[in-house]
Amino acid sequence: MKISFFTLGCKLNQAETDELKKELQKMGFLAVPFKAKANIAVVRACAVTCGASRTTRETIRQAKRRGAYVIATGCLEHKNLPEIDFMAKNNEEVIKHLQTVILNGTKCSEESLSAHQNDPTEILRFAQDDKTTEPIDRTRAFIKIQTGCNFNCAYCVIPSFRGRAESVPTKEIIKKIKQAEKEGYKEVILTGVNVCQYRNDSHHPAPLLHKEGAINLAGLLKRILTETKIPRIRLGSLDPRLISDEFIKLFSNPRLLPHWHLSLQSGSDEILKKMRRGYTAKQYQTIVKKIRAKNPLFSLTTDIIAGFPGETAKDFKATCNFVKKINFTKIHVFPFSPRPGTDAAKMPGAAQDKIKTERVKKLIKIANSTSREFIKKFIGLSRPVLFEHKKTALSGGYAPEYFTVKYKSSKNLQNKIVEVKLASSSILQ
């Protein structure tokens, strides 16, 4: 049976899709591109913004129009869409449903049962030669280390979908990383809703950094560095509330890449307080100073919400000034999107759409300028680039600092780490 996947949203969603795809391929399903005709389509939803929810709905409808049996999972805001044939809370429910409902011959699309009559090993064998199958990315592997969050930021809807923090056992993470090594990956990205809340004993409250029998994120990284050989380790989004000195010290190891996505959301203390972020701009800056004292070229990316309820012109100016001060490599700027069920959706003083649009444009302009200034510091330096793709004579890949590099070479550099001297024309944002 042919099955397609479409993943919206965060790296955690991508990690969960990757895990599901592997399990279903073992069962004999043939993975095909999402736009190809498939018996089953799995759409992993995102509801972090109104735009993400809208894209999710459109994607589900596209899959149904192509005649697929649609399974929706992930952070799905609208669960009653008529185009959804089955709604799953997690990968386990998807697999169980396909085992008990689909493979046992009840319902699917018009060609649903034709393929599974073949022996599963035959389906997998033919999959290797089927030109419609998706290429396997042998460059970076997404490894899920936790899900859920124990904080309650005023604007965030994700805890309502993901629940409280739960961590993947350390041994299981080590096993997955070693498997990624065997499969040829050169880099792993450790993902979660809030990876800083990682605890080997998920019953311990997230703020506890040390408790007998528990391993925090720093402890997990120490285990990974000791027990695996993967060349590059990158982390998902980090929470400034939970960055410890113990954690910072680990980044003298070159296998831990010099890049953090350190979530900010606002440079105004007043707005951070309304958001319930639990830190001030000064505390955020202190973290930046500590890591850049170790490495002045340490790369930082972040998220910022423009037009949060109550954000005045003064608050917005504070955010703009803060962005200039930190010198981010890249910023994802979002207009405030009121999500049902969050406290922020009921707060007074929400900015008009026109004002939000203007603030987003201004922030993006400032972010592009500061990004260029930061990346200029690398011109003339050599960086080990992990190449991911080749277009015409140019190969493209990521420097450790998470900016992209294009490099002219007649060789196929895909999935190779190559030292490249960065000329100005070599660097992309």
Protein backbone atom coordinates (compact mmCIF):
# COMPACT_ATOMS: atom_id res chain seq x y z
CA MET A 1 0.00 0.00 0.00
CA LYS A 2 1.27 3.46 -0.87
CA ILE A 3 1.33 5.97 1.97
CA SER A 4 2.29 9.65 1.92
CA PHE A 5 3.22 12.04 4.69
CA PHE A 6 2.93 15.79 5.13
CA THR A 7 4.41 17.50 8.16
CA LEU A 8 3.66 21.04 9.27
CA GLY A 9 5.29 23.01 12.04
CA CYS A 10 8.21 22.26 14.29
CA LYS A 11 11.19 19.91 14.21
CA LEU A 12 9.46 17.73 16.81
CA ASN A 13 6.66 17.10 14.31
CA GLN A 14 9.29 16.18 11.72
CA ALA A 15 11.01 13.79 14.15
CA GLU A 16 7.71 12.07 14.91
CA THR A 17 6.92 11.72 11.21
CA ASP A 18 10.36 10.23 10.56
CA GLU A 19 9.81 7.68 13.33
CA LEU A 20 6.35 6.78 12.02
CA LYS A 21 7.58 6.42 8.45
CA LYS A 22 10.29 3.98 9.52
CA GLU A 23 7.82 1.85 11.46
CA LEU A 24 5.30 1.73 8.63
CA GLN A 25 7.96 0.85 6.07
CA LYS A 26 8.92 -2.09 8.28
CA MET A 27 5.26 -3.16 8.12
CA GLY A 28 5.43 -3.14 4.32
CA PHE A 29 3.99 0.26 3.41
CA LEU A 30 5.54 2.07 0.46
CA ALA A 31 6.26 5.76 1.17
CA VAL A 32 5.59 8.09 -1.76
CA PRO A 33 5.71 11.89 -2.13
CA PHE A 34 2.68 13.69 -0.77
CA LYS A 35 1.55 14.92 -4.18
CA ALA A 36 1.68 11.42 -5.65
CA LYS A 37 -1.40 9.19 -5.61
CA ALA A 38 -1.47 7.24 -2.37
CA ASN A 39 -3.87 4.89 -0.61
CA ILE A 40 -3.28 6.64 2.71
CA ALA A 41 -2.14 10.16 3.58
CA VAL A 42 -0.87 11.06 7.04
CA VAL A 43 -1.02 14.78 7.81
CA ARG A 44 0.79 15.93 10.95
CA ALA A 45 -0.88 19.17 11.96
CA CYS A 46 0.33 22.42 13.47
CA ALA A 47 -1.86 24.93 15.30
CA VAL A 48 0.73 27.32 16.71
CA THR A 49 -0.71 30.20 14.63
CA CYS A 50 -3.94 30.87 12.75
CA GLY A 51 -1.96 30.53 9.52
CA ALA A 52 -0.64 27.12 10.52
CA SER A 53 -4.16 25.90 11.30
CA ARG A 54 -5.39 27.20 7.95
CA THR A 55 -2.57 25.44 6.09
CA THR A 56 -3.35 22.23 7.97
CA ARG A 57 -6.99 22.33 6.85
CA GLU A 58 -6.01 23.03 3.23
CA THR A 59 -3.48 20.18 3.24
CA ILE A 60 -6.02 17.69 4.60
CA ARG A 61 -8.52 18.69 1.90
CA GLN A 62 -5.88 18.33 -0.83
CA ALA A 63 -5.12 14.80 0.31
CA LYS A 64 -8.81 13.87 0.32
CA ARG A 65 -9.32 15.32 -3.18
CA ARG A 66 -6.60 12.96 -4.42
CA GLY A 67 -8.64 10.04 -3.10
CA ALA A 68 -6.52 9.12 -0.09
CA TYR A 69 -7.72 7.76 3.23
CA VAL A 70 -6.70 10.66 5.48
CA ILE A 71 -5.20 10.20 8.93
CA ALA A 72 -4.62 13.40 10.91
CA THR A 73 -2.31 13.63 13.90
CA GLY A 74 -0.19 16.22 15.70
CA CYS A 75 -1.51 19.55 16.99
CA LEU A 76 -4.85 19.64 15.22
CA GLU A 77 -7.17 22.50 16.13
CA HIS A 78 -10.18 21.47 14.02
CA LYS A 79 -10.85 17.80 14.75
CA ASN A 80 -14.29 17.65 13.09
CA LEU A 81 -13.22 18.19 9.49
CA PRO A 82 -15.29 15.85 7.28
CA GLU A 83 -12.20 15.07 5.18
CA ILE A 84 -10.50 13.33 8.12
CA ASP A 85 -11.07 9.56 8.15
CA PHE A 86 -9.20 8.95 11.41
CA MET A 87 -7.77 11.24 14.07
CA ALA A 88 -4.77 9.87 16.02
CA LYS A 89 -3.29 11.27 19.22
CA ASN A 90 0.16 9.85 18.50
CA ASN A 91 2.18 7.47 16.33
CA GLU A 92 1.09 4.46 18.34
CA GLU A 93 -2.55 5.15 17.51
CA VAL A 94 -1.72 5.53 13.81
CA ILE A 95 0.08 2.18 13.74
CA LYS A 96 -2.62 0.38 15.71
CA HIS A 97 -5.33 1.79 13.45
CA LEU A 98 -3.53 0.72 10.30
CA GLN A 99 -2.97 -2.75 11.73
CA THR A 100 -6.53 -3.32 12.90
CA VAL A 101 -8.59 -1.38 10.37
CA ILE A 102 -6.67 -1.04 7.13
CA LEU A 103 -4.56 -4.18 6.88
CA ASN A 104 -7.44 -6.32 8.12
CA GLY A 105 -9.41 -5.26 5.10
CA THR A 106 -12.20 -2.92 6.12
CA LYS A 107 -11.96 0.52 4.57
CA CYS A 108 -9.62 2.85 2.72
CA SER A 109 -9.51 4.56 -0.68
CA GLU A 110 -10.70 2.95 -3.91
CA GLU A 111 -7.44 1.05 -4.44
CA SER A 112 -6.84 0.58 -0.74
CA LEU A 113 -6.53 -3.17 -0.48
CA SER A 114 -4.80 -4.06 -3.73
CA ALA A 115 -1.23 -3.60 -2.56
CA HIS A 116 -1.26 -5.20 0.89
CA GLN A 117 -2.13 -8.60 -0.59
CA ASN A 118 1.50 -8.80 -1.66
CA ASP A 119 4.07 -10.11 0.75
CA PRO A 120 5.41 -7.10 2.77
CA THR A 121 9.01 -8.02 2.00
CA GLU A 122 8.21 -7.87 -1.71
CA ILE A 123 6.69 -4.41 -1.30
CA LEU A 124 9.83 -3.22 0.47
CA ARG A 125 12.04 -4.75 -2.21
CA PHE A 126 10.19 -2.99 -5.01
CA ALA A 127 10.22 0.26 -3.02
CA GLN A 128 13.96 0.51 -3.55
CA ASP A 129 13.47 0.84 -7.30
CA ASP A 130 10.22 2.80 -7.35
CA LYS A 131 10.95 6.28 -8.73
CA THR A 132 7.99 7.71 -6.84
CA THR A 133 9.44 6.94 -3.43
CA GLU A 134 10.83 9.78 -1.35
CA PRO A 135 14.64 9.99 -1.16
CA ILE A 136 16.08 9.22 2.25
CA ASP A 137 17.86 12.21 3.77
CA ARG A 138 21.22 10.89 4.96
CA THR A 139 22.39 14.26 6.25
CA ARG A 140 20.55 15.25 9.45
CA ALA A 141 18.36 13.09 11.67
CA PHE A 142 15.68 14.47 13.96
CA ILE A 143 15.69 12.70 17.33
CA LYS A 144 12.74 13.24 19.67
CA ILE A 145 13.92 13.54 23.29
CA GLN A 146 10.76 14.87 24.96
CA THR A 147 7.30 16.29 24.40
CA GLY A 148 4.93 18.54 26.34
CA CYS A 149 5.66 21.55 28.54
CA ASN A 150 5.15 22.37 32.21
CA PHE A 151 5.05 26.12 31.67
CA ASN A 152 1.95 28.11 30.77
CA CYS A 153 2.92 31.03 28.55
CA ALA A 154 -0.08 33.30 28.01
CA TYR A 155 -0.11 32.98 24.20
CA CYS A 156 0.80 29.32 23.77
CA VAL A 157 -1.74 26.67 22.77
CA ILE A 158 0.73 23.78 22.48
CA PRO A 159 0.36 22.43 26.07
CA SER A 160 -3.32 21.85 25.37
CA PHE A 161 -2.30 19.47 22.58
CA ARG A 162 0.88 18.00 24.02
CA GLY A 163 0.18 18.03 27.76
CA ARG A 164 2.84 18.12 30.47
CA ALA A 165 6.48 17.35 29.84
CA GLU A 166 7.38 13.73 29.20
CA SER A 167 10.91 12.62 28.36
CA VAL A 168 12.21 9.78 26.25
CA PRO A 169 14.46 7.42 28.28
CA THR A 170 18.14 8.23 27.87
CA LYS A 171 19.00 4.70 26.74
CA GLU A 172 16.43 4.92 23.95
CA ILE A 173 17.86 8.24 22.74
CA ILE A 174 21.39 6.82 22.71
CA LYS A 175 20.12 3.82 20.76
CA LYS A 176 18.44 6.03 18.15
CA ILE A 177 21.57 8.15 17.72
CA LYS A 178 23.72 5.05 17.24
CA GLN A 179 21.21 3.82 14.66
CA ALA A 180 21.44 7.18 12.90
CA GLU A 181 25.22 6.74 12.77
CA LYS A 182 24.81 3.32 11.14
CA GLU A 183 22.41 4.80 8.59
CA GLY A 184 25.00 7.36 7.56
CA TYR A 185 23.77 10.52 9.24
CA LYS A 186 26.40 13.11 10.12
CA GLU A 187 24.21 15.30 12.33
CA VAL A 188 21.41 14.77 14.82
CA ILE A 189 18.96 17.42 15.97
CA LEU A 190 17.54 16.80 19.44
CA THR A 191 13.95 18.00 19.40
CA GLY A 192 10.98 18.45 21.72
CA VAL A 193 8.36 20.97 22.77
CA ASN A 194 10.79 22.26 25.40
CA VAL A 195 14.04 20.29 25.32
CA CYS A 196 15.32 22.18 28.36
CA GLN A 197 12.68 20.34 30.40
CA TYR A 198 14.31 17.01 29.58
CA ARG A 199 14.44 14.66 32.57
CA ASN A 200 15.29 10.99 32.34
CA ASP A 201 12.73 10.49 35.11
CA SER A 202 9.80 12.34 33.57
CA HIS A 203 7.91 12.31 36.89
CA HIS A 204 10.29 14.89 38.33
CA PRO A 205 9.11 18.51 37.93
CA ALA A 206 10.90 20.34 35.12
CA PRO A 207 12.51 23.08 37.28
CA LEU A 208 14.48 20.48 39.25
CA LEU A 209 17.94 20.34 37.67
CA HIS A 210 19.20 17.63 39.97
CA LYS A 211 17.43 14.86 41.78
CA GLU A 212 18.63 11.38 42.60
CA GLY A 213 18.06 9.11 39.61
CA ALA A 214 17.22 11.96 37.21
CA ILE A 215 19.25 13.16 34.25
CA ASN A 216 18.71 16.69 32.95
CA LEU A 217 19.54 18.01 29.47
CA ALA A 218 23.18 18.64 30.39
CA GLY A 219 23.43 15.10 31.71
CA LEU A 220 21.89 13.73 28.52
CA LEU A 221 24.42 15.62 26.39
CA LYS A 222 27.28 14.24 28.48
CA ARG A 223 26.00 10.71 27.90
CA ILE A 224 25.64 11.33 24.15
CA LEU A 225 29.17 12.74 23.91
CA THR A 226 30.56 9.75 25.79
CA GLU A 227 28.54 6.93 24.23
CA THR A 228 28.15 7.98 20.58
CA LYS A 229 30.40 9.15 17.77
CA ILE A 230 27.99 11.25 15.69
CA PRO A 231 30.09 14.23 14.46
CA ARG A 232 27.50 16.97 14.90
CA ILE A 233 24.86 17.47 17.60
CA ARG A 234 22.36 20.31 17.32
CA LEU A 235 19.54 21.23 19.68
CA GLY A 236 15.98 22.34 19.07
CA SER A 237 14.50 25.51 20.55
CA LEU A 238 15.89 26.38 24.01
CA ASP A 239 14.13 28.06 26.92
CA PRO A 240 16.04 30.95 28.60
CA ARG A 241 14.41 30.06 31.94
CA LEU A 242 16.36 26.80 32.06
CA ILE A 243 19.84 27.61 30.72
CA SER A 244 22.37 26.70 33.42
CA ASP A 245 26.11 27.34 33.70
CA GLU A 246 26.60 23.56 33.63
CA PHE A 247 24.85 23.48 30.25
CA ILE A 248 26.86 26.41 28.84
CA LYS A 249 30.20 24.82 29.80
CA LEU A 250 29.48 21.79 27.61
CA PHE A 251 29.66 23.88 24.45
CA SER A 252 33.44 23.93 24.46
CA ASN A 253 33.07 20.48 22.83
CA PRO A 254 33.13 20.94 19.01
CA ARG A 255 30.58 18.17 18.49
CA LEU A 256 28.00 20.39 20.18
CA LEU A 257 27.42 22.88 17.40
CA PRO A 258 27.86 26.60 18.18
CA HIS A 259 24.24 27.51 17.55
CA TRP A 260 21.20 27.91 19.77
CA HIS A 261 17.66 28.77 18.86
CA LEU A 262 17.06 30.72 22.07
CA SER A 263 13.44 31.78 22.19
CA LEU A 264 12.96 35.48 23.03
CA GLN A 265 9.41 36.60 21.98
CA SER A 266 9.90 40.24 23.09
CA GLY A 267 12.64 42.62 24.15
CA SER A 268 10.28 44.49 26.49
CA ASP A 269 10.14 43.41 30.13
CA GLU A 270 6.53 44.58 30.38
CA ILE A 271 5.48 42.35 27.49
CA LEU A 272 7.58 39.42 28.69
CA LYS A 273 5.75 39.66 32.01
CA LYS A 274 2.35 39.68 30.28
CA MET A 275 3.46 36.70 28.21
CA ARG A 276 4.48 34.89 31.43
CA ARG A 277 7.88 34.10 30.00
CA GLY A 278 9.61 34.05 33.39
CA TYR A 279 12.74 36.03 32.45
CA THR A 280 13.73 39.62 31.68
CA ALA A 281 15.61 41.03 28.71
CA LYS A 282 18.62 41.53 30.99
CA GLN A 283 18.60 37.88 32.06
CA TYR A 284 18.40 36.82 28.43
CA GLN A 285 21.33 39.10 27.59
CA THR A 286 23.36 37.64 30.46
CA ILE A 287 23.01 34.17 28.93
CA VAL A 288 24.17 35.53 25.58
CA LYS A 289 27.19 37.20 27.19
CA LYS A 290 28.19 33.96 28.91
CA ILE A 291 28.07 31.83 25.77
CA ARG A 292 29.77 34.46 23.61
CA ALA A 293 32.50 34.85 26.22
CA LYS A 294 33.35 31.26 25.34
CA ASN A 295 32.89 31.81 21.59
CA PRO A 296 32.38 35.35 20.20
CA LEU A 297 31.02 33.82 16.97
CA PHE A 298 28.40 31.69 18.69
CA SER A 299 25.27 31.84 16.55
CA LEU A 300 21.83 32.69 17.96
CA THR A 301 18.47 32.49 16.24
CA THR A 302 15.14 33.30 17.85
CA ASP A 303 11.37 33.90 17.61
CA ILE A 304 9.62 37.21 18.21
CA ILE A 305 5.91 38.02 18.43
CA ALA A 306 4.91 41.46 17.17
CA GLY A 307 1.73 43.19 18.33
CA PHE A 308 1.10 41.22 21.52
CA PRO A 309 -1.86 42.66 23.51
CA GLY A 310 -0.76 45.80 25.31
CA GLU A 311 2.43 46.25 23.28
CA THR A 312 2.99 49.98 23.02
CA ALA A 313 5.26 51.85 20.63
CA LYS A 314 7.73 52.06 23.53
CA ASP A 315 7.63 48.28 24.05
CA PHE A 316 8.15 47.65 20.36
CA LYS A 317 11.09 50.07 20.28
CA ALA A 318 12.65 48.14 23.18
CA THR A 319 12.37 44.95 21.15
CA CYS A 320 13.96 46.58 18.09
CA ASN A 321 16.86 47.92 20.18
CA PHE A 322 17.35 44.53 21.83
CA VAL A 323 17.51 42.77 18.47
CA LYS A 324 20.23 45.18 17.33
CA LYS A 325 22.15 44.57 20.57
CA ILE A 326 22.12 40.76 20.44
CA ASN A 327 23.10 40.41 16.76
CA PHE A 328 21.02 37.36 15.88
CA THR A 329 21.87 35.16 12.92
CA LYS A 330 18.20 34.85 12.05
CA ILE A 331 14.84 35.82 13.52
CA HIS A 332 11.43 34.32 12.90
CA VAL A 333 8.94 37.17 13.31
CA PHE A 334 5.25 36.41 13.83
CA PRO A 335 2.31 38.79 14.15
CA PHE A 336 0.38 38.02 17.32
CA SER A 337 -2.16 35.30 16.58
CA PRO A 338 -4.85 34.87 19.27
CA ARG A 339 -5.32 31.17 19.89
CA PRO A 340 -8.62 29.95 21.39
CA GLY A 341 -8.25 28.76 24.96
CA THR A 342 -5.21 30.90 25.79
CA ASP A 343 -5.21 33.81 28.24
CA ALA A 344 -3.69 36.11 25.61
CA ALA A 345 -6.75 35.65 23.39
CA LYS A 346 -8.83 37.37 26.09
CA MET A 347 -6.39 40.17 26.88
CA PRO A 348 -7.37 43.74 26.01
CA GLY A 349 -5.24 46.06 23.91
CA ALA A 350 -4.48 43.78 20.97
CA ALA A 351 -2.77 45.70 18.16
CA GLN A 352 -4.67 46.35 14.95
CA ASP A 353 -3.71 44.17 11.99
CA LYS A 354 -2.22 47.17 10.19
CA ILE A 355 0.04 47.97 13.16
CA LYS A 356 1.08 44.31 13.51
CA THR A 357 1.95 44.16 9.81
CA GLU A 358 4.04 47.34 10.04
CA ARG A 359 5.89 46.06 13.11
CA VAL A 360 6.60 42.70 11.49
CA LYS A 361 8.05 44.43 8.41
CA LYS A 362 10.22 46.71 10.51
CA LEU A 363 11.53 43.84 12.64
CA ILE A 364 12.32 41.75 9.58
CA LYS A 365 14.24 44.68 8.08
CA ILE A 366 16.28 45.11 11.27
CA ALA A 367 16.80 41.34 11.56
CA ASN A 368 18.10 41.10 7.99
CA SER A 369 20.55 43.92 8.65
CA THR A 370 21.90 42.48 11.91
CA SER A 371 22.11 39.03 10.31
CA ARG A 372 24.27 40.36 7.48
CA GLU A 373 26.53 42.07 9.99
CA PHE A 374 26.98 38.89 12.01
CA ILE A 375 27.62 36.65 9.01
CA LYS A 376 30.20 39.10 7.61
CA LYS A 377 32.41 38.12 10.55
CA PHE A 378 32.89 34.69 8.95
CA ILE A 379 34.20 35.97 5.62
CA GLY A 380 37.73 34.67 5.11
CA LEU A 381 37.32 31.95 7.75
CA SER A 382 37.13 28.22 7.08
CA ARG A 383 34.11 26.33 8.36
CA PRO A 384 33.22 22.60 8.20
CA VAL A 385 30.09 22.54 6.04
CA LEU A 386 27.72 19.58 5.96
CA PHE A 387 26.44 19.51 2.38
CA GLU A 388 22.85 18.51 1.78
CA HIS A 389 22.10 19.02 -1.89
CA LYS A 390 23.55 19.89 -5.28
CA LYS A 391 21.94 22.17 -7.85
CA THR A 392 23.76 22.51 -11.18
CA ALA A 393 27.39 23.23 -10.24
CA LEU A 394 26.57 24.47 -6.74
CA SER A 395 26.37 22.38 -3.59
CA GLY A 396 24.53 23.73 -0.57
CA GLY A 397 24.82 22.92 3.10
CA TYR A 398 24.97 24.18 6.66
CA ALA A 399 27.87 25.61 8.61
CA PRO A 400 27.94 24.66 12.31
CA GLU A 401 26.47 28.11 13.07
CA TYR A 402 23.37 27.24 11.03
CA PHE A 403 23.73 29.57 8.12
CA THR A 404 23.70 28.10 4.65
CA VAL A 405 26.72 27.94 2.39
CA LYS A 406 26.85 27.42 -1.37
CA TYR A 407 30.00 26.01 -2.88
CA LYS A 408 31.03 25.37 -6.47
CA SER A 409 32.35 21.86 -6.99
CA SER A 410 32.26 19.23 -9.72
CA LYS A 411 32.14 16.53 -7.03
CA ASN A 412 29.05 15.18 -5.33
CA LEU A 413 29.43 16.53 -1.80
CA GLN A 414 26.07 15.39 -0.46
CA ASN A 415 26.34 14.16 3.13
CA LYS A 416 30.02 15.10 3.31
CA ILE A 417 31.56 17.49 5.82
CA VAL A 418 34.04 19.66 3.95
CA GLU A 419 36.20 22.54 5.19
CA VAL A 420 35.25 25.55 3.09
CA LYS A 421 36.87 28.98 3.12
CA LEU A 422 33.99 31.42 3.09
CA ALA A 423 34.12 34.13 0.46
CA SER A 424 31.32 36.68 0.53
CA SER A 425 29.60 34.95 -2.39
CA SER A 426 29.64 31.64 -0.50
CA ILE A 427 27.33 32.70 2.30
CA LEU A 428 23.57 32.69 2.21
CA GLN A 429 21.26 33.77 5.00
